[in-house]
């Protein structure tokens, strides 16, 4: 178990680096989507390696740093890179940054990912609003003694993805003339892509997209009282949907192709949160 003192030490170290800046919105950016951190106004950049007890992101395309500043008039903390279970980190370690940013004052979180499309009506490049998630193949990041400083022992997950934030996302997409898909994200631990049989199982269970992140951070954020907005970029069709193999390169290529649309959507959503 990570002691509460570690969270406090990390938060204190960050406070010293950001000189009184108090972020309102935490943005956790997925594979190929870290470019949002590059457009933050008046940025203060803090590499994960300079923060006590933080783990270092090793996934390709994840810079591994926090960027503090302003976007669309909101004070943000942008995680350019996250931690994954497949990197060897525990789920508690994956959720560690979320709790630290909560101690810094973040009450809202936008979480994004690049994932495989399971819904046969989806196409590569679609943006999906996450309305719920399925977590079967991971232990809870809240496992172990409960830290009452963050939340209750048995947190409710009925409205984990904040309904009012979903409304804001729909309104923003409409303003921009963007098609916004909606659906359920299903977590798989990776790092291998899912098999065609696993994708069929996910579809049967009601999933619309499959990926290797997001659920751990969302659970931790909900536990400590944060409001959550989630988006999936359909970066590839999941295994078995198309007669072709999958690769990490196509994930990053799809993210780059969707850069303008995705950026505009996030920037339009931010003032509404």
C-alpha atoms as a PDB file:
ATOM      1  CA  UNK A   1       0.000   0.000   0.000  1.00  0.00           C
ATOM      2  CA  UNK A   2       1.218   3.507  -0.834  1.00  0.00           C
ATOM      3  CA  UNK A   3       1.063   5.588   2.373  1.00  0.00           C
ATOM      4  CA  UNK A   4      -0.823   8.882   2.358  1.00  0.00           C
ATOM      5  CA  UNK A   5       2.426  10.645   3.254  1.00  0.00           C
ATOM      6  CA  UNK A   6       3.811   9.805  -0.213  1.00  0.00           C
ATOM      7  CA  UNK A   7       0.915  11.578  -1.880  1.00  0.00           C
ATOM      8  CA  UNK A   8       1.478  14.600   0.358  1.00  0.00           C
ATOM      9  CA  UNK A   9       5.201  14.650  -0.420  1.00  0.00           C
ATOM     10  CA  UNK A  10       4.556  14.555  -4.170  1.00  0.00           C
ATOM     11  CA  UNK A  11       1.957  17.312  -3.907  1.00  0.00           C
ATOM     12  CA  UNK A  12       4.295  19.462  -1.810  1.00  0.00           C
ATOM     13  CA  UNK A  13       7.114  19.065  -4.348  1.00  0.00           C
ATOM     14  CA  UNK A  14       4.802  20.113  -7.170  1.00  0.00           C
ATOM     15  CA  UNK A  15       3.494  23.117  -5.249  1.00  0.00           C
ATOM     16  CA  UNK A  16       7.067  24.324  -4.903  1.00  0.00           C
ATOM     17  CA  UNK A  17       7.580  24.046  -8.664  1.00  0.00           C
ATOM     18  CA  UNK A  18       4.336  25.703  -9.795  1.00  0.00           C
ATOM     19  CA  UNK A  19       4.542  28.707  -7.439  1.00  0.00           C
ATOM     20  CA  UNK A  20       0.955  29.011  -6.260  1.00  0.00           C
ATOM     21  CA  UNK A  21      -0.685  27.888  -9.503  1.00  0.00           C
ATOM     22  CA  UNK A  22      -3.789  25.808  -8.681  1.00  0.00           C
ATOM     23  CA  UNK A  23      -5.079  23.597 -11.499  1.00  0.00           C
ATOM     24  CA  UNK A  24      -8.815  23.104 -11.970  1.00  0.00           C
ATOM     25  CA  UNK A  25      -8.837  20.376 -14.609  1.00  0.00           C
ATOM     26  CA  UNK A  26      -6.539  17.373 -14.936  1.00  0.00           C
ATOM     27  CA  UNK A  27      -6.106  16.108 -18.493  1.00  0.00           C
ATOM     28  CA  UNK A  28      -4.783  12.559 -18.901  1.00  0.00           C
ATOM     29  CA  UNK A  29      -3.723  12.091 -22.523  1.00  0.00           C
ATOM     30  CA  UNK A  30      -3.472   8.745 -24.256  1.00  0.00           C
ATOM     31  CA  UNK A  31      -1.256   7.317 -26.995  1.00  0.00           C
ATOM     32  CA  UNK A  32      -0.582   9.836 -29.742  1.00  0.00           C
ATOM     33  CA  UNK A  33      -2.771  12.483 -28.069  1.00  0.00           C
ATOM     34  CA  UNK A  34      -0.144  14.244 -25.960  1.00  0.00           C
ATOM     35  CA  UNK A  35       0.020  17.211 -28.325  1.00  0.00           C
ATOM     36  CA  UNK A  36      -2.579  19.032 -26.200  1.00  0.00           C
ATOM     37  CA  UNK A  37       0.168  19.634 -23.664  1.00  0.00           C
ATOM     38  CA  UNK A  38       2.198  21.448 -26.328  1.00  0.00           C
ATOM     39  CA  UNK A  39      -0.382  24.239 -26.719  1.00  0.00           C
ATOM     40  CA  UNK A  40      -0.780  25.075 -23.029  1.00  0.00           C
ATOM     41  CA  UNK A  41      -0.362  28.809 -22.416  1.00  0.00           C
ATOM     42  CA  UNK A  42       2.359  29.968 -19.984  1.00  0.00           C
ATOM     43  CA  UNK A  43       3.454  26.371 -19.418  1.00  0.00           C
ATOM     44  CA  UNK A  44       5.303  25.051 -16.401  1.00  0.00           C
ATOM     45  CA  UNK A  45       6.756  21.677 -17.352  1.00  0.00           C
ATOM     46  CA  UNK A  46       7.667  19.113 -14.697  1.00  0.00           C
ATOM     47  CA  UNK A  47       9.127  15.741 -15.793  1.00  0.00           C
ATOM     48  CA  UNK A  48       7.763  12.801 -13.830  1.00  0.00           C
ATOM     49  CA  UNK A  49      11.292  11.897 -12.799  1.00  0.00           C
ATOM     50  CA  UNK A  50      11.550  15.124 -10.794  1.00  0.00           C
ATOM     51  CA  UNK A  51       8.474  14.344  -8.667  1.00  0.00           C
ATOM     52  CA  UNK A  52       8.990  12.213  -5.541  1.00  0.00           C
ATOM     53  CA  UNK A  53       7.349   8.773  -5.776  1.00  0.00           C
ATOM     54  CA  UNK A  54       6.109   9.306  -9.362  1.00  0.00           C
ATOM     55  CA  UNK A  55       6.704   6.495 -11.814  1.00  0.00           C
ATOM     56  CA  UNK A  56       8.128   7.141 -15.271  1.00  0.00           C
ATOM     57  CA  UNK A  57       6.004   6.507 -18.339  1.00  0.00           C
ATOM     58  CA  UNK A  58       7.719   4.102 -20.742  1.00  0.00           C
ATOM     59  CA  UNK A  59       5.033   3.627 -23.406  1.00  0.00           C
ATOM     60  CA  UNK A  60       5.954   4.823 -26.935  1.00  0.00           C
ATOM     61  CA  UNK A  61       4.709   8.346 -27.635  1.00  0.00           C
ATOM     62  CA  UNK A  62       4.293   9.234 -23.941  1.00  0.00           C
ATOM     63  CA  UNK A  63       6.603  12.115 -22.971  1.00  0.00           C
ATOM     64  CA  UNK A  64       6.278  11.489 -19.252  1.00  0.00           C
ATOM     65  CA  UNK A  65       5.753  14.989 -17.912  1.00  0.00           C
ATOM     66  CA  UNK A  66       3.173  17.270 -16.334  1.00  0.00           C
ATOM     67  CA  UNK A  67       2.394  20.575 -18.004  1.00  0.00           C
ATOM     68  CA  UNK A  68       0.675  23.250 -15.909  1.00  0.00           C
ATOM     69  CA  UNK A  69      -0.880  26.320 -17.499  1.00  0.00           C
ATOM     70  CA  UNK A  70      -4.020  27.594 -19.192  1.00  0.00           C
ATOM     71  CA  UNK A  71      -6.221  26.222 -21.965  1.00  0.00           C
ATOM     72  CA  UNK A  72      -9.489  27.841 -23.068  1.00  0.00           C
ATOM     73  CA  UNK A  73      -9.406  30.012 -19.961  1.00  0.00           C
ATOM     74  CA  UNK A  74      -9.189  27.065 -17.556  1.00  0.00           C
ATOM     75  CA  UNK A  75      -6.224  26.274 -15.339  1.00  0.00           C
ATOM     76  CA  UNK A  76      -5.075  22.814 -16.337  1.00  0.00           C
ATOM     77  CA  UNK A  77      -2.583  20.133 -15.431  1.00  0.00           C
ATOM     78  CA  UNK A  78      -1.833  18.013 -18.481  1.00  0.00           C
ATOM     79  CA  UNK A  79      -0.356  14.547 -18.117  1.00  0.00           C
ATOM     80  CA  UNK A  80       1.654  13.967 -21.291  1.00  0.00           C
ATOM     81  CA  UNK A  81       1.854  10.256 -20.830  1.00  0.00           C
ATOM     82  CA  UNK A  82       0.311   7.883 -18.327  1.00  0.00           C
ATOM     83  CA  UNK A  83       1.368   4.691 -16.591  1.00  0.00           C
ATOM     84  CA  UNK A  84       0.021   1.303 -17.673  1.00  0.00           C
ATOM     85  CA  UNK A  85      -0.212  -2.030 -15.917  1.00  0.00           C
ATOM     86  CA  UNK A  86       1.619  -3.659 -18.831  1.00  0.00           C
ATOM     87  CA  UNK A  87       4.661  -1.496 -18.047  1.00  0.00           C
ATOM     88  CA  UNK A  88       4.936  -3.380 -14.771  1.00  0.00           C
ATOM     89  CA  UNK A  89       3.127  -0.879 -12.555  1.00  0.00           C
ATOM     90  CA  UNK A  90       0.476  -1.805 -10.029  1.00  0.00           C
ATOM     91  CA  UNK A  91      -2.997  -0.320 -10.414  1.00  0.00           C
ATOM     92  CA  UNK A  92      -2.375   1.684  -7.258  1.00  0.00           C
ATOM     93  CA  UNK A  93       0.720   3.176  -8.891  1.00  0.00           C
ATOM     94  CA  UNK A  94      -1.277   3.982 -12.028  1.00  0.00           C
ATOM     95  CA  UNK A  95      -3.750   5.946  -9.930  1.00  0.00           C
ATOM     96  CA  UNK A  96      -1.065   7.711  -7.891  1.00  0.00           C
ATOM     97  CA  UNK A  97      -0.850  10.855 -10.102  1.00  0.00           C
ATOM     98  CA  UNK A  98      -4.620  11.300 -10.008  1.00  0.00           C
ATOM     99  CA  UNK A  99      -4.660  11.472  -6.234  1.00  0.00           C
ATOM    100  CA  UNK A 100      -1.697  13.837  -6.153  1.00  0.00           C
ATOM    101  CA  UNK A 101      -3.424  16.234  -8.541  1.00  0.00           C
ATOM    102  CA  UNK A 102      -6.558  16.002  -6.409  1.00  0.00           C
ATOM    103  CA  UNK A 103      -4.495  17.216  -3.465  1.00  0.00           C
ATOM    104  CA  UNK A 104      -3.363  20.137  -5.630  1.00  0.00           C
ATOM    105  CA  UNK A 105      -6.975  21.182  -6.141  1.00  0.00           C
ATOM    106  CA  UNK A 106      -8.080  19.453  -9.346  1.00  0.00           C
ATOM    107  CA  UNK A 107     -11.771  18.632  -9.059  1.00  0.00           C
ATOM    108  CA  UNK A 108     -12.328  17.673 -12.709  1.00  0.00           C
ATOM    109  CA  UNK A 109     -10.619  15.202 -15.031  1.00  0.00           C
ATOM    110  CA  UNK A 110     -10.652  14.707 -18.794  1.00  0.00           C
ATOM    111  CA  UNK A 111      -9.245  11.302 -19.705  1.00  0.00           C
ATOM    112  CA  UNK A 112      -8.505  10.267 -23.292  1.00  0.00           C
ATOM    113  CA  UNK A 113      -7.283   7.140 -24.993  1.00  0.00           C
ATOM    114  CA  UNK A 114      -6.653   5.651 -28.399  1.00  0.00           C
ATOM    115  CA  UNK A 115      -8.464   2.326 -28.645  1.00  0.00           C
ATOM    116  CA  UNK A 116      -9.746  -0.388 -30.934  1.00  0.00           C
ATOM    117  CA  UNK A 117     -13.224  -0.093 -32.373  1.00  0.00           C
ATOM    118  CA  UNK A 118     -15.500  -3.001 -31.481  1.00  0.00           C
ATOM    119  CA  UNK A 119     -18.807  -1.508 -32.601  1.00  0.00           C
ATOM    120  CA  UNK A 120     -19.184  -2.462 -36.264  1.00  0.00           C
ATOM    121  CA  UNK A 121     -20.791   0.906 -37.024  1.00  0.00           C
ATOM    122  CA  UNK A 122     -17.623   2.736 -35.975  1.00  0.00           C
ATOM    123  CA  UNK A 123     -14.762   3.772 -38.258  1.00  0.00           C
ATOM    124  CA  UNK A 124     -11.099   4.557 -37.706  1.00  0.00           C
ATOM    125  CA  UNK A 125     -10.834   8.210 -36.719  1.00  0.00           C
ATOM    126  CA  UNK A 126     -14.175   8.354 -34.901  1.00  0.00           C
ATOM    127  CA  UNK A 127     -14.243  10.061 -31.512  1.00  0.00           C
ATOM    128  CA  UNK A 128     -16.331   8.282 -28.893  1.00  0.00           C
ATOM    129  CA  UNK A 129     -17.741   9.840 -25.753  1.00  0.00           C
ATOM    130  CA  UNK A 130     -17.272   7.290 -22.962  1.00  0.00           C
ATOM    131  CA  UNK A 131     -20.596   6.781 -21.196  1.00  0.00           C
ATOM    132  CA  UNK A 132     -19.437   3.835 -19.074  1.00  0.00           C
ATOM    133  CA  UNK A 133     -16.718   1.215 -18.867  1.00  0.00           C
ATOM    134  CA  UNK A 134     -16.305  -2.507 -18.257  1.00  0.00           C
ATOM    135  CA  UNK A 135     -13.463  -3.666 -16.033  1.00  0.00           C
ATOM    136  CA  UNK A 136     -13.254  -7.436 -15.727  1.00  0.00           C
ATOM    137  CA  UNK A 137      -9.560  -8.175 -16.130  1.00  0.00           C
ATOM    138  CA  UNK A 138      -7.947  -6.040 -13.462  1.00  0.00           C
ATOM    139  CA  UNK A 139      -7.997  -5.819  -9.708  1.00  0.00           C
ATOM    140  CA  UNK A 140      -9.299  -2.546  -8.345  1.00  0.00           C
ATOM    141  CA  UNK A 141      -6.814   0.331  -7.939  1.00  0.00           C
ATOM    142  CA  UNK A 142      -8.592   0.832  -4.603  1.00  0.00           C
ATOM    143  CA  UNK A 143      -7.579  -2.628  -3.344  1.00  0.00           C
ATOM    144  CA  UNK A 144      -6.043  -2.679   0.134  1.00  0.00           C
ATOM    145  CA  UNK A 145      -6.666  -0.495   3.173  1.00  0.00           C
ATOM    146  CA  UNK A 146      -8.852   2.470   2.251  1.00  0.00           C
ATOM    147  CA  UNK A 147      -7.356   5.946   2.499  1.00  0.00           C
ATOM    148  CA  UNK A 148     -10.248   7.873   4.028  1.00  0.00           C
ATOM    149  CA  UNK A 149      -8.519  11.147   3.107  1.00  0.00           C
ATOM    150  CA  UNK A 150      -9.539  10.445  -0.504  1.00  0.00           C
ATOM    151  CA  UNK A 151     -12.887   8.706  -0.261  1.00  0.00           C
ATOM    152  CA  UNK A 152     -15.192   6.060   1.129  1.00  0.00           C
ATOM    153  CA  UNK A 153     -14.433   2.348   1.308  1.00  0.00           C
ATOM    154  CA  UNK A 154     -17.191   1.414  -1.172  1.00  0.00           C
ATOM    155  CA  UNK A 155     -17.546   4.210  -3.736  1.00  0.00           C
ATOM    156  CA  UNK A 156     -20.552   4.264  -6.049  1.00  0.00           C
ATOM    157  CA  UNK A 157     -19.725   3.955  -9.751  1.00  0.00           C
ATOM    158  CA  UNK A 158     -23.231   4.614 -11.140  1.00  0.00           C
ATOM    159  CA  UNK A 159     -22.314   8.039 -12.501  1.00  0.00           C
ATOM    160  CA  UNK A 160     -18.536   7.673 -12.781  1.00  0.00           C
ATOM    161  CA  UNK A 161     -18.533   9.498 -16.113  1.00  0.00           C
ATOM    162  CA  UNK A 162     -20.302  12.707 -15.120  1.00  0.00           C
ATOM    163  CA  UNK A 163     -23.649  13.125 -16.956  1.00  0.00           C
ATOM    164  CA  UNK A 164     -23.400  16.932 -17.015  1.00  0.00           C
ATOM    165  CA  UNK A 165     -19.956  16.674 -18.623  1.00  0.00           C
ATOM    166  CA  UNK A 166     -21.339  14.301 -21.243  1.00  0.00           C
ATOM    167  CA  UNK A 167     -23.991  16.901 -22.051  1.00  0.00           C
ATOM    168  CA  UNK A 168     -21.249  19.519 -22.413  1.00  0.00           C
ATOM    169  CA  UNK A 169     -19.373  17.220 -24.810  1.00  0.00           C
ATOM    170  CA  UNK A 170     -22.462  16.682 -26.964  1.00  0.00           C
ATOM    171  CA  UNK A 171     -23.126  20.407 -27.085  1.00  0.00           C
ATOM    172  CA  UNK A 172     -19.513  21.110 -28.003  1.00  0.00           C
ATOM    173  CA  UNK A 173     -19.534  18.535 -30.812  1.00  0.00           C
ATOM    174  CA  UNK A 174     -22.759  20.013 -32.163  1.00  0.00           C
ATOM    175  CA  UNK A 175     -21.270  23.522 -32.128  1.00  0.00           C
ATOM    176  CA  UNK A 176     -18.285  22.266 -34.111  1.00  0.00           C
ATOM    177  CA  UNK A 177     -20.313  20.172 -36.512  1.00  0.00           C
ATOM    178  CA  UNK A 178     -18.475  17.046 -35.402  1.00  0.00           C
ATOM    179  CA  UNK A 179     -19.917  13.562 -35.290  1.00  0.00           C
ATOM    180  CA  UNK A 180     -19.498  12.274 -31.734  1.00  0.00           C
ATOM    181  CA  UNK A 181     -19.987   8.583 -31.177  1.00  0.00           C
ATOM    182  CA  UNK A 182     -21.033   7.332 -27.749  1.00  0.00           C
ATOM    183  CA  UNK A 183     -20.342   4.031 -26.094  1.00  0.00           C
ATOM    184  CA  UNK A 184     -18.834   1.749 -23.510  1.00  0.00           C
ATOM    185  CA  UNK A 185     -15.066   1.359 -23.173  1.00  0.00           C
ATOM    186  CA  UNK A 186     -13.745  -2.042 -22.077  1.00  0.00           C
ATOM    187  CA  UNK A 187     -10.406  -2.360 -20.324  1.00  0.00           C
ATOM    188  CA  UNK A 188      -7.896  -5.094 -21.223  1.00  0.00           C
ATOM    189  CA  UNK A 189      -4.445  -5.265 -19.589  1.00  0.00           C
ATOM    190  CA  UNK A 190      -2.235  -5.621 -22.705  1.00  0.00           C
ATOM    191  CA  UNK A 191       0.391  -5.064 -23.962  1.00  0.00           C
ATOM    192  CA  UNK A 192      -0.711  -7.524 -26.646  1.00  0.00           C
ATOM    193  CA  UNK A 193      -3.726  -6.492 -28.670  1.00  0.00           C
ATOM    194  CA  UNK A 194      -6.875  -8.464 -27.942  1.00  0.00           C
ATOM    195  CA  UNK A 195      -7.554 -11.628 -29.922  1.00  0.00           C
ATOM    196  CA  UNK A 196     -10.494 -11.784 -32.331  1.00  0.00           C
ATOM    197  CA  UNK A 197     -12.286 -14.085 -29.871  1.00  0.00           C
ATOM    198  CA  UNK A 198     -11.755 -11.599 -27.044  1.00  0.00           C
ATOM    199  CA  UNK A 199     -13.119  -8.815 -29.245  1.00  0.00           C
ATOM    200  CA  UNK A 200     -16.222 -10.887 -29.990  1.00  0.00           C
ATOM    201  CA  UNK A 201     -16.618 -11.412 -26.244  1.00  0.00           C
ATOM    202  CA  UNK A 202     -16.305  -7.667 -25.650  1.00  0.00           C
ATOM    203  CA  UNK A 203     -18.986  -6.960 -28.248  1.00  0.00           C
ATOM    204  CA  UNK A 204     -21.284  -9.551 -26.666  1.00  0.00           C
ATOM    205  CA  UNK A 205     -20.805  -7.888 -23.270  1.00  0.00           C
ATOM    206  CA  UNK A 206     -21.804  -4.511 -24.683  1.00  0.00           C
ATOM    207  CA  UNK A 207     -18.436  -2.855 -25.319  1.00  0.00           C
ATOM    208  CA  UNK A 208     -17.966  -0.432 -28.194  1.00  0.00           C
ATOM    209  CA  UNK A 209     -14.184   0.020 -27.878  1.00  0.00           C
ATOM    210  CA  UNK A 210     -11.323  -1.850 -26.201  1.00  0.00           C
ATOM    211  CA  UNK A 211      -8.105  -0.464 -24.767  1.00  0.00           C
ATOM    212  CA  UNK A 212      -5.359  -0.747 -22.160  1.00  0.00           C
ATOM    213  CA  UNK A 213      -5.895   2.307 -19.961  1.00  0.00           C
ATOM    214  CA  UNK A 214      -8.489   4.792 -18.629  1.00  0.00           C
ATOM    215  CA  UNK A 215     -10.499   2.525 -16.305  1.00  0.00           C
ATOM    216  CA  UNK A 216      -7.899   2.619 -13.482  1.00  0.00           C
ATOM    217  CA  UNK A 217      -7.606   6.418 -13.564  1.00  0.00           C
ATOM    218  CA  UNK A 218     -11.366   6.907 -13.799  1.00  0.00           C
ATOM    219  CA  UNK A 219     -12.022   4.683 -10.778  1.00  0.00           C
ATOM    220  CA  UNK A 220      -9.446   6.518  -8.670  1.00  0.00           C
ATOM    221  CA  UNK A 221     -10.797   9.902  -9.768  1.00  0.00           C
ATOM    222  CA  UNK A 222     -14.352   8.890  -8.890  1.00  0.00           C
ATOM    223  CA  UNK A 223     -13.241   7.595  -5.502  1.00  0.00           C
ATOM    224  CA  UNK A 224     -11.699  10.939  -4.563  1.00  0.00           C
ATOM    225  CA  UNK A 225     -14.680  12.986  -5.697  1.00  0.00           C
ATOM    226  CA  UNK A 226     -13.551  14.200  -9.105  1.00  0.00           C
ATOM    227  CA  UNK A 227     -15.938  14.763 -11.998  1.00  0.00           C
ATOM    228  CA  UNK A 228     -14.881  12.749 -15.066  1.00  0.00           C
ATOM    229  CA  UNK A 229     -15.191  13.244 -18.820  1.00  0.00           C
ATOM    230  CA  UNK A 230     -13.793  10.531 -21.078  1.00  0.00           C
ATOM    231  CA  UNK A 231     -13.087  10.294 -24.803  1.00  0.00           C
ATOM    232  CA  UNK A 232     -11.845   7.455 -26.983  1.00  0.00           C
ATOM    233  CA  UNK A 233     -10.232   7.974 -30.363  1.00  0.00           C
ATOM    234  CA  UNK A 234     -10.942   4.917 -32.483  1.00  0.00           C
ATOM    235  CA  UNK A 235      -7.390   4.477 -33.751  1.00  0.00           C
ATOM    236  CA  UNK A 236      -7.915   1.075 -35.346  1.00  0.00           C
ATOM    237  CA  UNK A 237     -10.662  -1.468 -35.710  1.00  0.00           C
ATOM    238  CA  UNK A 238     -10.179  -4.182 -33.099  1.00  0.00           C
ATOM    239  CA  UNK A 239      -8.779  -7.606 -33.991  1.00  0.00           C
ATOM    240  CA  UNK A 240     -10.957  -9.643 -36.316  1.00  0.00           C
ATOM    241  CA  UNK A 241     -13.124  -6.738 -37.474  1.00  0.00           C
ATOM    242  CA  UNK A 242     -10.976  -6.257 -40.581  1.00  0.00           C
ATOM    243  CA  UNK A 243      -8.830  -8.940 -42.300  1.00  0.00           C
ATOM    244  CA  UNK A 244      -5.514  -7.365 -41.343  1.00  0.00           C
ATOM    245  CA  UNK A 245      -3.012  -7.411 -38.455  1.00  0.00           C
ATOM    246  CA  UNK A 246      -2.778  -4.577 -35.909  1.00  0.00           C
ATOM    247  CA  UNK A 247       0.203  -2.385 -35.080  1.00  0.00           C
ATOM    248  CA  UNK A 248       1.152   0.415 -32.717  1.00  0.00           C
ATOM    249  CA  UNK A 249       2.179   2.565 -35.685  1.00  0.00           C
ATOM    250  CA  UNK A 250      -1.385   2.803 -36.984  1.00  0.00           C
ATOM    251  CA  UNK A 251      -2.541   3.986 -33.544  1.00  0.00           C
ATOM    252  CA  UNK A 252      -0.200   6.977 -33.630  1.00  0.00           C
ATOM    253  CA  UNK A 253      -1.010   7.669 -37.284  1.00  0.00           C
ATOM    254  CA  UNK A 254      -4.738   7.803 -36.526  1.00  0.00           C
ATOM    255  CA  UNK A 255      -4.121  10.134 -33.584  1.00  0.00           C
ATOM    256  CA  UNK A 256      -2.129  12.481 -35.795  1.00  0.00           C
ATOM    257  CA  UNK A 257      -4.853  12.466 -38.442  1.00  0.00           C
ATOM    258  CA  UNK A 258      -7.486  13.360 -35.832  1.00  0.00           C
ATOM    259  CA  UNK A 259      -5.366  16.049 -34.144  1.00  0.00           C
ATOM    260  CA  UNK A 260      -7.337  19.079 -35.317  1.00  0.00           C
ATOM    261  CA  UNK A 261     -10.801  17.625 -34.650  1.00  0.00           C
ATOM    262  CA  UNK A 262      -9.864  16.193 -31.272  1.00  0.00           C
ATOM    263  CA  UNK A 263      -8.111  19.378 -30.145  1.00  0.00           C
ATOM    264  CA  UNK A 264     -11.061  21.575 -31.104  1.00  0.00           C
ATOM    265  CA  UNK A 265     -13.465  19.311 -29.239  1.00  0.00           C
ATOM    266  CA  UNK A 266     -11.402  19.328 -26.036  1.00  0.00           C
ATOM    267  CA  UNK A 267     -10.821  23.084 -26.176  1.00  0.00           C
ATOM    268  CA  UNK A 268     -14.529  23.716 -26.703  1.00  0.00           C
ATOM    269  CA  UNK A 269     -15.477  21.399 -23.828  1.00  0.00           C
ATOM    270  CA  UNK A 270     -13.081  22.888 -21.276  1.00  0.00           C
ATOM    271  CA  UNK A 271     -14.935  26.173 -20.539  1.00  0.00           C
ATOM    272  CA  UNK A 272     -18.153  24.193 -20.012  1.00  0.00           C
ATOM    273  CA  UNK A 273     -16.766  21.998 -17.231  1.00  0.00           C
END
